[in-house]
Amino acid sequence: MTNPPESVERHPATQSITTTARFVVGGRGRAASEQPGSAPTPLPGRIPRVARLMALALRFDALVREGSVSTQADLAAVGHVTRARVTQIMNLLHLAPDLQEAILDLPPVRAGRDPITEHDLRPIAAEVEWAAQRSLWRRHYQTRAAGASIRVGGPA
């Protein structure tokens, strides 16, 4: 190795670098639910998948109605799913309003499988008459959800 000649002076080059950093501190301090005056902690468990799909169908419908998305095919492309899957989800909108509400109000699943699946609801949603849908709902889900019946309003 050769040493640089001593006559050459080294001047450090001055450069400034500007950047933005986001620091997230997790798991420290009080949780929001533990602070005074905050909302009570949610029930343990998870929201049933069919309830999330029902909410998604309502959101999809709103996007199409307001013109943010022109077709269900566009929804499929944005969501990285097939057009057939978007149709299956959107078919939940064919259910009677009280059935849609009952799905959205399903209790959290604490363990095991969901009591109702989207696949189970397909024959009910395919029924044109809301009275027939309610009848099928009562027949299939009288005692399925969390050991209690899923109540549905409206005439039979």
N, C-alpha and C. Protein backbone atom coordinates (compact mmCIF):
# COMPACT_ATOMS: atom_id res chain seq x y z
N MET A 1 0.84 -1.18 0.00
CA MET A 1 0.00 0.00 0.00
C MET A 1 0.88 1.24 0.00
N THR A 2 0.46 2.18 -0.72
CA THR A 2 1.23 3.42 -0.76
C THR A 2 0.49 4.49 0.01
N ASN A 3 1.23 5.30 0.67
CA ASN A 3 0.63 6.41 1.41
C ASN A 3 0.51 7.61 0.50
N PRO A 4 -0.58 8.39 0.64
CA PRO A 4 -0.73 9.57 -0.21
C PRO A 4 0.34 10.59 0.16
N PRO A 5 0.75 11.37 -0.79
CA PRO A 5 1.75 12.39 -0.48
C PRO A 5 1.19 13.36 0.55
N GLU A 6 2.06 13.81 1.43
CA GLU A 6 1.62 14.68 2.51
C GLU A 6 1.27 16.07 2.02
N SER A 7 1.65 16.42 0.87
CA SER A 7 1.36 17.75 0.36
C SER A 7 -0.10 17.91 -0.05
N VAL A 8 -0.79 16.79 -0.27
CA VAL A 8 -2.19 16.84 -0.67
C VAL A 8 -3.03 16.96 0.59
N GLU A 9 -3.81 18.02 0.70
CA GLU A 9 -4.65 18.22 1.86
C GLU A 9 -6.02 17.61 1.60
N ARG A 10 -6.54 17.05 2.64
CA ARG A 10 -7.89 16.46 2.53
C ARG A 10 -8.90 17.42 3.13
N HIS A 11 -9.82 17.81 2.30
CA HIS A 11 -10.91 18.67 2.77
C HIS A 11 -12.18 17.84 2.68
N PRO A 12 -12.84 17.66 3.81
CA PRO A 12 -14.08 16.90 3.74
C PRO A 12 -15.12 17.67 2.92
N ALA A 13 -15.76 16.95 2.03
CA ALA A 13 -16.81 17.57 1.22
C ALA A 13 -18.06 17.72 2.09
N THR A 14 -18.68 18.84 2.03
CA THR A 14 -19.86 19.10 2.83
C THR A 14 -21.09 18.83 2.00
N GLN A 15 -21.92 17.91 2.49
CA GLN A 15 -23.17 17.57 1.84
C GLN A 15 -24.25 17.51 2.90
N SER A 16 -25.41 17.97 2.57
CA SER A 16 -26.52 17.82 3.51
C SER A 16 -27.54 16.87 2.88
N ILE A 17 -28.03 16.01 3.70
CA ILE A 17 -29.02 15.03 3.26
C ILE A 17 -30.27 15.27 4.08
N THR A 18 -31.40 15.39 3.41
CA THR A 18 -32.67 15.59 4.08
C THR A 18 -33.56 14.39 3.77
N THR A 19 -34.17 13.85 4.80
CA THR A 19 -35.07 12.72 4.62
C THR A 19 -36.20 12.81 5.63
N THR A 20 -37.23 12.09 5.39
CA THR A 20 -38.36 12.04 6.31
C THR A 20 -38.44 10.62 6.86
N ALA A 21 -38.57 10.52 8.15
CA ALA A 21 -38.68 9.22 8.79
C ALA A 21 -39.92 9.21 9.66
N ARG A 22 -40.58 8.11 9.67
CA ARG A 22 -41.78 7.93 10.49
C ARG A 22 -41.48 6.87 11.51
N PHE A 23 -41.58 7.22 12.77
CA PHE A 23 -41.31 6.28 13.84
C PHE A 23 -42.63 5.93 14.52
N VAL A 24 -42.87 4.64 14.65
CA VAL A 24 -44.08 4.17 15.30
C VAL A 24 -43.65 3.37 16.51
N VAL A 25 -44.13 3.79 17.65
CA VAL A 25 -43.82 3.08 18.88
C VAL A 25 -45.05 2.26 19.22
N GLY A 26 -44.92 0.97 19.20
CA GLY A 26 -46.05 0.10 19.48
C GLY A 26 -45.88 -0.63 20.80
N GLY A 27 -46.99 -0.91 21.41
CA GLY A 27 -46.98 -1.72 22.62
C GLY A 27 -46.49 -1.01 23.86
N ARG A 28 -46.46 0.30 23.84
CA ARG A 28 -46.00 1.03 25.02
C ARG A 28 -47.09 1.97 25.49
N GLY A 29 -47.12 2.17 26.75
CA GLY A 29 -48.10 3.10 27.31
C GLY A 29 -49.47 2.46 27.40
N ARG A 30 -50.45 3.29 27.68
CA ARG A 30 -51.81 2.80 27.83
C ARG A 30 -52.47 2.62 26.47
N ALA A 31 -53.25 1.60 26.36
CA ALA A 31 -54.04 1.42 25.14
C ALA A 31 -55.18 2.43 25.16
N ALA A 32 -55.71 2.74 24.01
CA ALA A 32 -56.78 3.73 23.92
C ALA A 32 -57.99 3.30 24.74
N SER A 33 -58.26 2.00 24.81
CA SER A 33 -59.43 1.52 25.54
C SER A 33 -59.23 1.59 27.05
N GLU A 34 -58.00 1.77 27.52
CA GLU A 34 -57.74 1.84 28.94
C GLU A 34 -57.80 3.26 29.45
N GLN A 35 -57.84 4.24 28.57
CA GLN A 35 -57.83 5.63 28.99
C GLN A 35 -59.21 6.01 29.48
N PRO A 36 -59.24 6.88 30.49
CA PRO A 36 -60.54 7.29 31.03
C PRO A 36 -61.39 7.97 29.96
N GLY A 37 -62.68 7.67 29.97
CA GLY A 37 -63.59 8.31 29.04
C GLY A 37 -63.62 7.68 27.66
N SER A 38 -62.87 6.62 27.44
CA SER A 38 -62.86 6.00 26.12
C SER A 38 -63.96 4.95 26.02
N ALA A 39 -64.18 4.48 24.82
CA ALA A 39 -65.21 3.47 24.58
C ALA A 39 -64.81 2.15 25.23
N PRO A 40 -65.78 1.31 25.59
CA PRO A 40 -65.46 0.03 26.19
C PRO A 40 -64.73 -0.88 25.21
N THR A 41 -64.01 -1.83 25.73
CA THR A 41 -63.26 -2.74 24.87
C THR A 41 -64.23 -3.61 24.08
N PRO A 42 -63.89 -3.93 22.84
CA PRO A 42 -64.78 -4.76 22.03
C PRO A 42 -64.82 -6.20 22.56
N LEU A 43 -65.88 -6.90 22.20
CA LEU A 43 -66.01 -8.28 22.62
C LEU A 43 -64.90 -9.12 22.00
N PRO A 44 -64.44 -10.13 22.72
CA PRO A 44 -63.42 -10.98 22.13
C PRO A 44 -64.00 -11.78 20.97
N GLY A 45 -63.19 -12.09 20.02
CA GLY A 45 -63.64 -12.83 18.85
C GLY A 45 -63.38 -12.04 17.59
N ARG A 46 -63.85 -12.57 16.49
CA ARG A 46 -63.64 -11.92 15.20
C ARG A 46 -64.97 -11.75 14.50
N ILE A 47 -65.02 -10.77 13.64
CA ILE A 47 -66.24 -10.53 12.87
C ILE A 47 -66.38 -11.66 11.86
N PRO A 48 -67.57 -12.27 11.76
CA PRO A 48 -67.74 -13.35 10.78
C PRO A 48 -67.44 -12.87 9.36
N ARG A 49 -66.84 -13.74 8.58
CA ARG A 49 -66.45 -13.40 7.22
C ARG A 49 -67.65 -12.95 6.38
N VAL A 50 -68.79 -13.59 6.55
CA VAL A 50 -69.96 -13.23 5.75
C VAL A 50 -70.41 -11.80 6.09
N ALA A 51 -70.23 -11.36 7.32
CA ALA A 51 -70.58 -9.99 7.68
C ALA A 51 -69.63 -9.01 7.00
N ARG A 52 -68.36 -9.36 6.93
CA ARG A 52 -67.40 -8.50 6.23
C ARG A 52 -67.70 -8.46 4.74
N LEU A 53 -68.10 -9.61 4.17
CA LEU A 53 -68.45 -9.64 2.74
C LEU A 53 -69.72 -8.83 2.47
N MET A 54 -70.68 -8.88 3.40
CA MET A 54 -71.90 -8.08 3.24
C MET A 54 -71.56 -6.60 3.24
N ALA A 55 -70.70 -6.19 4.14
CA ALA A 55 -70.26 -4.78 4.18
C ALA A 55 -69.51 -4.42 2.90
N LEU A 56 -68.71 -5.33 2.40
CA LEU A 56 -67.98 -5.10 1.16
C LEU A 56 -68.94 -4.96 -0.02
N ALA A 57 -69.97 -5.78 -0.06
CA ALA A 57 -70.97 -5.68 -1.13
C ALA A 57 -71.66 -4.32 -1.09
N LEU A 58 -71.98 -3.84 0.10
CA LEU A 58 -72.60 -2.52 0.22
C LEU A 58 -71.64 -1.43 -0.24
N ARG A 59 -70.37 -1.58 0.08
CA ARG A 59 -69.36 -0.60 -0.34
C ARG A 59 -69.19 -0.61 -1.86
N PHE A 60 -69.11 -1.82 -2.44
CA PHE A 60 -69.01 -1.95 -3.89
C PHE A 60 -70.19 -1.27 -4.57
N ASP A 61 -71.39 -1.51 -4.04
CA ASP A 61 -72.59 -0.92 -4.63
C ASP A 61 -72.52 0.60 -4.57
N ALA A 62 -72.04 1.14 -3.46
CA ALA A 62 -71.91 2.59 -3.34
C ALA A 62 -70.90 3.14 -4.34
N LEU A 63 -69.80 2.43 -4.54
CA LEU A 63 -68.79 2.88 -5.51
C LEU A 63 -69.35 2.91 -6.93
N VAL A 64 -70.13 1.91 -7.28
CA VAL A 64 -70.73 1.87 -8.62
C VAL A 64 -71.77 2.97 -8.77
N ARG A 65 -72.59 3.16 -7.74
CA ARG A 65 -73.66 4.17 -7.80
C ARG A 65 -73.11 5.59 -7.90
N GLU A 66 -72.02 5.87 -7.16
CA GLU A 66 -71.48 7.23 -7.18
C GLU A 66 -70.59 7.48 -8.40
N GLY A 67 -70.31 6.45 -9.18
CA GLY A 67 -69.55 6.61 -10.40
C GLY A 67 -68.05 6.51 -10.23
N SER A 68 -67.57 6.15 -9.03
CA SER A 68 -66.13 5.98 -8.83
C SER A 68 -65.60 4.82 -9.65
N VAL A 69 -66.44 3.83 -9.83
CA VAL A 69 -66.10 2.65 -10.64
C VAL A 69 -67.27 2.46 -11.59
N SER A 70 -66.96 2.19 -12.86
CA SER A 70 -68.06 2.11 -13.82
C SER A 70 -68.72 0.74 -13.89
N THR A 71 -67.96 -0.33 -13.70
CA THR A 71 -68.54 -1.67 -13.81
C THR A 71 -67.99 -2.59 -12.73
N GLN A 72 -68.64 -3.73 -12.59
CA GLN A 72 -68.14 -4.75 -11.66
C GLN A 72 -66.80 -5.30 -12.15
N ALA A 73 -66.58 -5.29 -13.44
CA ALA A 73 -65.29 -5.75 -13.98
C ALA A 73 -64.16 -4.84 -13.49
N ASP A 74 -64.44 -3.54 -13.41
CA ASP A 74 -63.45 -2.62 -12.87
C ASP A 74 -63.18 -2.90 -11.39
N LEU A 75 -64.24 -3.21 -10.66
CA LEU A 75 -64.07 -3.58 -9.24
C LEU A 75 -63.17 -4.81 -9.11
N ALA A 76 -63.40 -5.78 -9.98
CA ALA A 76 -62.60 -7.01 -9.94
C ALA A 76 -61.14 -6.71 -10.23
N ALA A 77 -60.90 -5.85 -11.20
CA ALA A 77 -59.52 -5.51 -11.54
C ALA A 77 -58.83 -4.79 -10.39
N VAL A 78 -59.53 -3.85 -9.78
CA VAL A 78 -58.95 -3.10 -8.66
C VAL A 78 -58.73 -4.02 -7.46
N GLY A 79 -59.66 -4.92 -7.22
CA GLY A 79 -59.57 -5.81 -6.06
C GLY A 79 -58.74 -7.05 -6.28
N HIS A 80 -58.22 -7.23 -7.49
CA HIS A 80 -57.41 -8.41 -7.83
C HIS A 80 -58.14 -9.72 -7.57
N VAL A 81 -59.43 -9.73 -7.95
CA VAL A 81 -60.23 -10.94 -7.88
C VAL A 81 -60.92 -11.12 -9.23
N THR A 82 -61.55 -12.25 -9.41
CA THR A 82 -62.24 -12.50 -10.67
C THR A 82 -63.58 -11.76 -10.70
N ARG A 83 -64.08 -11.57 -11.90
CA ARG A 83 -65.40 -10.95 -12.05
C ARG A 83 -66.47 -11.84 -11.42
N ALA A 84 -66.27 -13.15 -11.51
CA ALA A 84 -67.24 -14.08 -10.91
C ALA A 84 -67.31 -13.89 -9.39
N ARG A 85 -66.16 -13.67 -8.76
CA ARG A 85 -66.15 -13.49 -7.30
C ARG A 85 -66.84 -12.19 -6.91
N VAL A 86 -66.64 -11.14 -7.68
CA VAL A 86 -67.32 -9.88 -7.41
C VAL A 86 -68.83 -10.09 -7.54
N THR A 87 -69.25 -10.84 -8.53
CA THR A 87 -70.68 -11.13 -8.70
C THR A 87 -71.21 -11.90 -7.51
N GLN A 88 -70.47 -12.89 -7.03
CA GLN A 88 -70.90 -13.65 -5.85
C GLN A 88 -71.08 -12.74 -4.64
N ILE A 89 -70.16 -11.83 -4.45
CA ILE A 89 -70.24 -10.91 -3.32
C ILE A 89 -71.42 -9.96 -3.50
N MET A 90 -71.57 -9.42 -4.71
CA MET A 90 -72.66 -8.47 -4.98
C MET A 90 -74.03 -9.13 -4.90
N ASN A 91 -74.11 -10.44 -5.12
CA ASN A 91 -75.39 -11.14 -5.01
C ASN A 91 -75.95 -11.12 -3.59
N LEU A 92 -75.12 -10.84 -2.59
CA LEU A 92 -75.62 -10.70 -1.23
C LEU A 92 -76.59 -9.53 -1.13
N LEU A 93 -76.50 -8.59 -2.06
CA LEU A 93 -77.42 -7.45 -2.07
C LEU A 93 -78.83 -7.85 -2.48
N HIS A 94 -79.00 -9.05 -3.01
CA HIS A 94 -80.32 -9.54 -3.40
C HIS A 94 -81.11 -10.04 -2.19
N LEU A 95 -80.44 -10.16 -1.04
CA LEU A 95 -81.14 -10.60 0.17
C LEU A 95 -82.07 -9.50 0.67
N ALA A 96 -83.12 -9.91 1.36
CA ALA A 96 -84.05 -8.96 1.96
C ALA A 96 -83.28 -8.04 2.92
N PRO A 97 -83.70 -6.80 3.04
CA PRO A 97 -82.98 -5.86 3.91
C PRO A 97 -82.81 -6.34 5.34
N ASP A 98 -83.83 -6.99 5.90
CA ASP A 98 -83.70 -7.47 7.28
C ASP A 98 -82.69 -8.62 7.38
N LEU A 99 -82.56 -9.42 6.32
CA LEU A 99 -81.55 -10.47 6.33
C LEU A 99 -80.15 -9.87 6.23
N GLN A 100 -80.01 -8.82 5.41
CA GLN A 100 -78.72 -8.13 5.32
C GLN A 100 -78.34 -7.57 6.69
N GLU A 101 -79.31 -6.99 7.37
CA GLU A 101 -79.05 -6.43 8.70
C GLU A 101 -78.68 -7.52 9.69
N ALA A 102 -79.36 -8.66 9.62
CA ALA A 102 -79.05 -9.77 10.52
C ALA A 102 -77.63 -10.28 10.28
N ILE A 103 -77.20 -10.29 9.03
CA ILE A 103 -75.84 -10.72 8.70
C ILE A 103 -74.83 -9.74 9.26
N LEU A 104 -75.10 -8.46 9.10
CA LEU A 104 -74.18 -7.44 9.61
C LEU A 104 -74.12 -7.44 11.13
N ASP A 105 -75.19 -7.90 11.78
CA ASP A 105 -75.25 -7.92 13.24
C ASP A 105 -74.89 -9.27 13.85
N LEU A 106 -74.32 -10.17 13.05
CA LEU A 106 -73.93 -11.47 13.61
C LEU A 106 -72.95 -11.28 14.76
N PRO A 107 -73.06 -12.08 15.81
CA PRO A 107 -72.14 -11.94 16.94
C PRO A 107 -70.73 -12.37 16.55
N PRO A 108 -69.72 -11.86 17.25
CA PRO A 108 -68.34 -12.27 16.95
C PRO A 108 -68.16 -13.77 17.13
N VAL A 109 -67.30 -14.34 16.30
CA VAL A 109 -66.99 -15.77 16.40
C VAL A 109 -65.82 -15.89 17.37
N ARG A 110 -66.02 -16.60 18.45
CA ARG A 110 -64.99 -16.73 19.48
C ARG A 110 -64.01 -17.86 19.17
N ALA A 111 -64.51 -18.93 18.58
CA ALA A 111 -63.64 -20.06 18.25
C ALA A 111 -64.33 -20.89 17.18
N GLY A 112 -63.53 -21.58 16.40
CA GLY A 112 -64.07 -22.49 15.40
C GLY A 112 -64.51 -21.79 14.13
N ARG A 113 -65.38 -22.49 13.42
CA ARG A 113 -65.85 -21.99 12.13
C ARG A 113 -66.97 -20.98 12.28
N ASP A 114 -67.14 -20.19 11.23
CA ASP A 114 -68.27 -19.26 11.19
C ASP A 114 -69.56 -20.04 11.09
N PRO A 115 -70.63 -19.56 11.75
CA PRO A 115 -71.89 -20.30 11.71
C PRO A 115 -72.57 -20.22 10.35
N ILE A 116 -72.30 -19.16 9.59
CA ILE A 116 -72.91 -18.95 8.27
C ILE A 116 -71.81 -18.54 7.31
N THR A 117 -71.84 -19.12 6.11
CA THR A 117 -70.85 -18.75 5.09
C THR A 117 -71.57 -18.12 3.89
N GLU A 118 -70.81 -17.42 3.09
CA GLU A 118 -71.37 -16.82 1.88
C GLU A 118 -71.91 -17.92 0.97
N HIS A 119 -71.21 -19.02 0.90
CA HIS A 119 -71.65 -20.14 0.06
C HIS A 119 -73.00 -20.67 0.52
N ASP A 120 -73.23 -20.71 1.84
CA ASP A 120 -74.52 -21.15 2.38
C ASP A 120 -75.65 -20.21 1.99
N LEU A 121 -75.34 -18.93 1.81
CA LEU A 121 -76.36 -17.93 1.52
C LEU A 121 -76.73 -17.84 0.05
N ARG A 122 -75.96 -18.45 -0.81
CA ARG A 122 -76.23 -18.35 -2.25
C ARG A 122 -77.63 -18.81 -2.64
N PRO A 123 -78.11 -19.99 -2.16
CA PRO A 123 -79.47 -20.39 -2.54
C PRO A 123 -80.55 -19.45 -1.99
N ILE A 124 -80.30 -18.87 -0.85
CA ILE A 124 -81.27 -17.93 -0.28
C ILE A 124 -81.30 -16.65 -1.11
N ALA A 125 -80.13 -16.12 -1.48
CA ALA A 125 -80.06 -14.90 -2.28
C ALA A 125 -80.62 -15.13 -3.69
N ALA A 126 -80.58 -16.37 -4.17
CA ALA A 126 -81.10 -16.68 -5.50
C ALA A 126 -82.63 -16.67 -5.51
N GLU A 127 -83.24 -16.80 -4.35
CA GLU A 127 -84.69 -16.76 -4.24
C GLU A 127 -85.17 -15.33 -4.47
N VAL A 128 -86.15 -15.15 -5.35
CA VAL A 128 -86.58 -13.81 -5.73
C VAL A 128 -87.47 -13.18 -4.65
N GLU A 129 -88.38 -13.94 -4.10
CA GLU A 129 -89.33 -13.42 -3.12
C GLU A 129 -88.68 -13.31 -1.74
N TRP A 130 -88.80 -12.14 -1.13
CA TRP A 130 -88.21 -11.93 0.19
C TRP A 130 -88.85 -12.82 1.25
N ALA A 131 -90.15 -13.08 1.12
CA ALA A 131 -90.83 -13.97 2.07
C ALA A 131 -90.23 -15.37 2.01
N ALA A 132 -89.94 -15.84 0.81
CA ALA A 132 -89.32 -17.16 0.65
C ALA A 132 -87.90 -17.15 1.22
N GLN A 133 -87.19 -16.03 1.03
CA GLN A 133 -85.85 -15.92 1.60
C GLN A 133 -85.91 -16.02 3.13
N ARG A 134 -86.86 -15.31 3.73
CA ARG A 134 -86.99 -15.33 5.19
C ARG A 134 -87.33 -16.73 5.69
N SER A 135 -88.17 -17.42 4.94
CA SER A 135 -88.54 -18.78 5.32
C SER A 135 -87.31 -19.71 5.26
N LEU A 136 -86.54 -19.61 4.19
CA LEU A 136 -85.32 -20.41 4.08
C LEU A 136 -84.33 -20.05 5.18
N TRP A 137 -84.21 -18.78 5.48
CA TRP A 137 -83.29 -18.32 6.54
C TRP A 137 -83.68 -18.95 7.88
N ARG A 138 -84.96 -18.86 8.21
CA ARG A 138 -85.41 -19.44 9.48
C ARG A 138 -85.17 -20.94 9.54
N ARG A 139 -85.42 -21.61 8.45
CA ARG A 139 -85.26 -23.06 8.41
C ARG A 139 -83.78 -23.45 8.60
N HIS A 140 -82.87 -22.71 7.99
CA HIS A 140 -81.46 -23.08 8.03
C HIS A 140 -80.71 -22.54 9.24
N TYR A 141 -81.11 -21.39 9.75
CA TYR A 141 -80.31 -20.72 10.78
C TYR A 141 -81.05 -20.49 12.07
N GLN A 142 -82.04 -21.34 12.36
CA GLN A 142 -82.81 -21.17 13.58
C GLN A 142 -81.93 -21.29 14.83
N THR A 143 -80.96 -22.19 14.82
CA THR A 143 -80.15 -22.39 16.02
C THR A 143 -78.65 -22.43 15.73
N ARG A 144 -78.23 -21.93 14.58
CA ARG A 144 -76.83 -22.06 14.19
C ARG A 144 -75.88 -21.10 14.89
N ALA A 145 -76.23 -19.85 14.96
CA ALA A 145 -75.27 -18.83 15.40
C ALA A 145 -75.14 -18.81 16.92
N ALA A 146 -73.97 -19.22 17.38
CA ALA A 146 -73.57 -19.13 18.79
C ALA A 146 -74.60 -19.74 19.73
N GLY A 147 -75.26 -20.80 19.30
CA GLY A 147 -76.20 -21.49 20.15
C GLY A 147 -77.55 -20.78 20.29
N ALA A 148 -77.70 -19.64 19.68
CA ALA A 148 -78.97 -18.91 19.75
C ALA A 148 -79.47 -18.68 18.33
N SER A 149 -80.75 -18.47 18.22
CA SER A 149 -81.31 -18.25 16.88
C SER A 149 -80.95 -16.85 16.41
N ILE A 150 -80.85 -16.70 15.12
CA ILE A 150 -80.58 -15.40 14.50
C ILE A 150 -81.93 -14.84 14.15
N ARG A 151 -82.34 -13.81 14.84
CA ARG A 151 -83.67 -13.24 14.66
C ARG A 151 -83.73 -12.38 13.42
N VAL A 152 -84.85 -12.52 12.74
CA VAL A 152 -85.08 -11.72 11.54
C VAL A 152 -86.46 -11.15 11.65
N GLY A 153 -86.60 -9.84 11.40
CA GLY A 153 -87.89 -9.20 11.44
C GLY A 153 -88.61 -9.36 10.12
N GLY A 154 -89.75 -8.78 10.05
CA GLY A 154 -90.49 -8.81 8.78
C GLY A 154 -91.44 -9.97 8.71
N PRO A 155 -92.38 -9.92 7.79
CA PRO A 155 -93.36 -10.99 7.64
C PRO A 155 -92.72 -12.24 7.04
N ALA A 156 -93.32 -13.37 7.34
CA ALA A 156 -92.83 -14.63 6.79
C ALA A 156 -93.42 -14.78 5.46
